[in-house]
């Protein structure tokens, strides 16, 4: 019985740690996707609300040149959503980097790529 209590306590402890961070939930364009039409903005939804003053998204080319419009911002209605505007993107692969601070001050970051297919 004592070992069961220890196991349950450990599980609950690690669940509370994991829930204290905002992780990428989904994005548009999707992580690793190959799309036909270039997007005008990139959206990332997180698992928790984020602090916009300390959170950002950048989009870069393969040679690490930042190409987004540097206007990363939180959605007015959905506090778990960050958005950044994009120029007219040519075909190619783009790297997205994100850095967020959730409302309880925990920081997370990550990156992913998406590809715009050449026009046929």
Protein backbone atom coordinates (compact mmCIF):
# COMPACT_ATOMS: atom_id res chain seq x y z
CA UNK A 1 0.00 0.00 0.00
CA UNK A 2 2.86 2.39 0.85
CA UNK A 3 4.49 1.86 -2.56
CA UNK A 4 1.16 2.56 -4.29
CA UNK A 5 0.91 5.90 -2.48
CA UNK A 6 4.47 6.77 -3.49
CA UNK A 7 3.77 5.90 -7.13
CA UNK A 8 0.55 7.93 -7.21
CA UNK A 9 2.23 10.89 -5.54
CA UNK A 10 5.07 10.76 -8.07
CA UNK A 11 2.66 10.61 -11.00
CA UNK A 12 0.66 13.57 -9.71
CA UNK A 13 3.85 15.56 -9.08
CA UNK A 14 5.13 15.08 -12.63
CA UNK A 15 1.71 15.79 -14.13
CA UNK A 16 1.61 19.11 -12.30
CA UNK A 17 5.09 19.98 -13.62
CA UNK A 18 4.12 19.11 -17.18
CA UNK A 19 0.91 21.13 -17.02
CA UNK A 20 2.84 24.19 -15.85
CA UNK A 21 4.35 24.75 -19.29
CA UNK A 22 2.85 25.91 -22.57
CA UNK A 23 3.68 23.47 -25.37
CA UNK A 24 2.81 23.62 -29.05
CA UNK A 25 -0.65 22.12 -29.54
CA UNK A 26 -1.04 22.64 -33.30
CA UNK A 27 -0.17 25.13 -35.99
CA UNK A 28 -1.33 26.48 -39.34
CA UNK A 29 0.48 25.60 -41.55
CA UNK A 30 0.87 22.26 -39.82
CA UNK A 31 4.21 21.11 -38.43
CA UNK A 32 6.23 19.47 -41.23
CA UNK A 33 3.54 20.11 -43.84
CA UNK A 34 4.01 20.67 -47.55
CA UNK A 35 1.44 23.19 -48.80
CA UNK A 36 0.37 24.42 -52.24
CA UNK A 37 -0.65 27.98 -51.37
CA UNK A 38 1.68 30.27 -49.40
CA UNK A 39 0.08 31.42 -46.13
CA UNK A 40 -0.29 35.12 -45.29
CA UNK A 41 0.23 34.39 -41.62
CA UNK A 42 1.46 31.62 -39.38
CA UNK A 43 -0.57 30.59 -36.33
CA UNK A 44 0.50 28.48 -33.38
CA UNK A 45 -1.87 27.29 -30.68
CA UNK A 46 -0.36 26.36 -27.32
CA UNK A 47 -1.58 24.12 -24.51
CA UNK A 48 -1.85 27.08 -22.12
CA UNK A 49 -2.36 30.83 -22.28
CA UNK A 50 0.84 32.71 -23.07
CA UNK A 51 2.20 36.11 -22.03
CA UNK A 52 2.43 38.08 -25.30
CA UNK A 53 5.07 40.52 -24.05
CA UNK A 54 7.50 37.62 -23.54
CA UNK A 55 6.43 35.30 -26.37
CA UNK A 56 7.30 35.30 -30.06
CA UNK A 57 7.34 33.46 -33.37
CA UNK A 58 9.95 33.93 -36.09
CA UNK A 59 9.93 32.45 -39.59
CA UNK A 60 13.21 32.10 -41.49
CA UNK A 61 14.53 30.79 -44.79
CA UNK A 62 16.89 27.83 -45.03
CA UNK A 63 19.86 30.23 -44.84
CA UNK A 64 18.46 31.60 -41.55
CA UNK A 65 17.22 34.95 -42.90
CA UNK A 66 14.16 36.09 -40.93
CA UNK A 67 11.32 36.75 -43.40
CA UNK A 68 8.23 37.25 -41.21
CA UNK A 69 6.85 40.77 -40.73
CA UNK A 70 8.12 40.89 -37.11
CA UNK A 71 4.62 41.47 -35.75
CA UNK A 72 4.23 38.36 -33.61
CA UNK A 73 1.17 38.85 -31.41
CA UNK A 74 -1.43 37.09 -29.35
CA UNK A 75 -4.93 36.65 -30.74
CA UNK A 76 -7.46 39.03 -29.14
CA UNK A 77 -9.96 36.27 -28.36
CA UNK A 78 -7.82 33.16 -27.89
CA UNK A 79 -5.00 33.69 -25.36
CA UNK A 80 -3.41 30.36 -26.39
CA UNK A 81 -2.88 31.54 -29.98
CA UNK A 82 0.14 33.44 -31.35
CA UNK A 83 0.17 34.83 -34.89
CA UNK A 84 2.85 36.32 -37.12
CA UNK A 85 2.26 37.89 -40.56
CA UNK A 86 4.16 36.66 -43.60
CA UNK A 87 5.13 38.27 -46.90
CA UNK A 88 4.29 36.59 -50.21
CA UNK A 89 6.40 33.45 -49.82
CA UNK A 90 8.08 31.82 -52.81
CA UNK A 91 8.40 28.04 -52.99
CA UNK A 92 10.83 26.72 -50.41
CA UNK A 93 11.26 25.35 -46.92
CA UNK A 94 10.80 27.64 -43.93
CA UNK A 95 11.87 27.24 -40.33
CA UNK A 96 9.57 28.40 -37.56
CA UNK A 97 11.01 29.14 -34.12
CA UNK A 98 8.80 29.87 -31.14
CA UNK A 99 9.50 30.99 -27.63
CA UNK A 100 6.70 31.40 -25.10
CA UNK A 101 6.22 32.26 -21.47
CA UNK A 102 2.97 30.97 -20.06
CA UNK A 103 0.91 32.85 -17.51
CA UNK A 104 2.67 31.10 -14.61
CA UNK A 105 6.07 32.31 -15.96
CA UNK A 106 7.39 28.96 -17.23
CA UNK A 107 9.31 29.23 -20.51
CA UNK A 108 9.27 26.78 -23.43
CA UNK A 109 10.61 26.96 -26.95
CA UNK A 110 10.81 24.88 -30.08
CA UNK A 111 10.98 24.88 -33.83
CA UNK A 112 9.57 23.13 -36.88
CA UNK A 113 9.57 23.42 -40.65
CA UNK A 114 6.99 23.67 -43.39
CA UNK A 115 7.39 23.74 -47.16
CA UNK A 116 5.65 25.79 -49.84
CA UNK A 117 5.48 23.69 -53.01
CA UNK A 118 6.48 25.18 -56.37
CA UNK A 119 3.57 26.36 -58.53
CA UNK A 120 2.79 23.97 -61.36
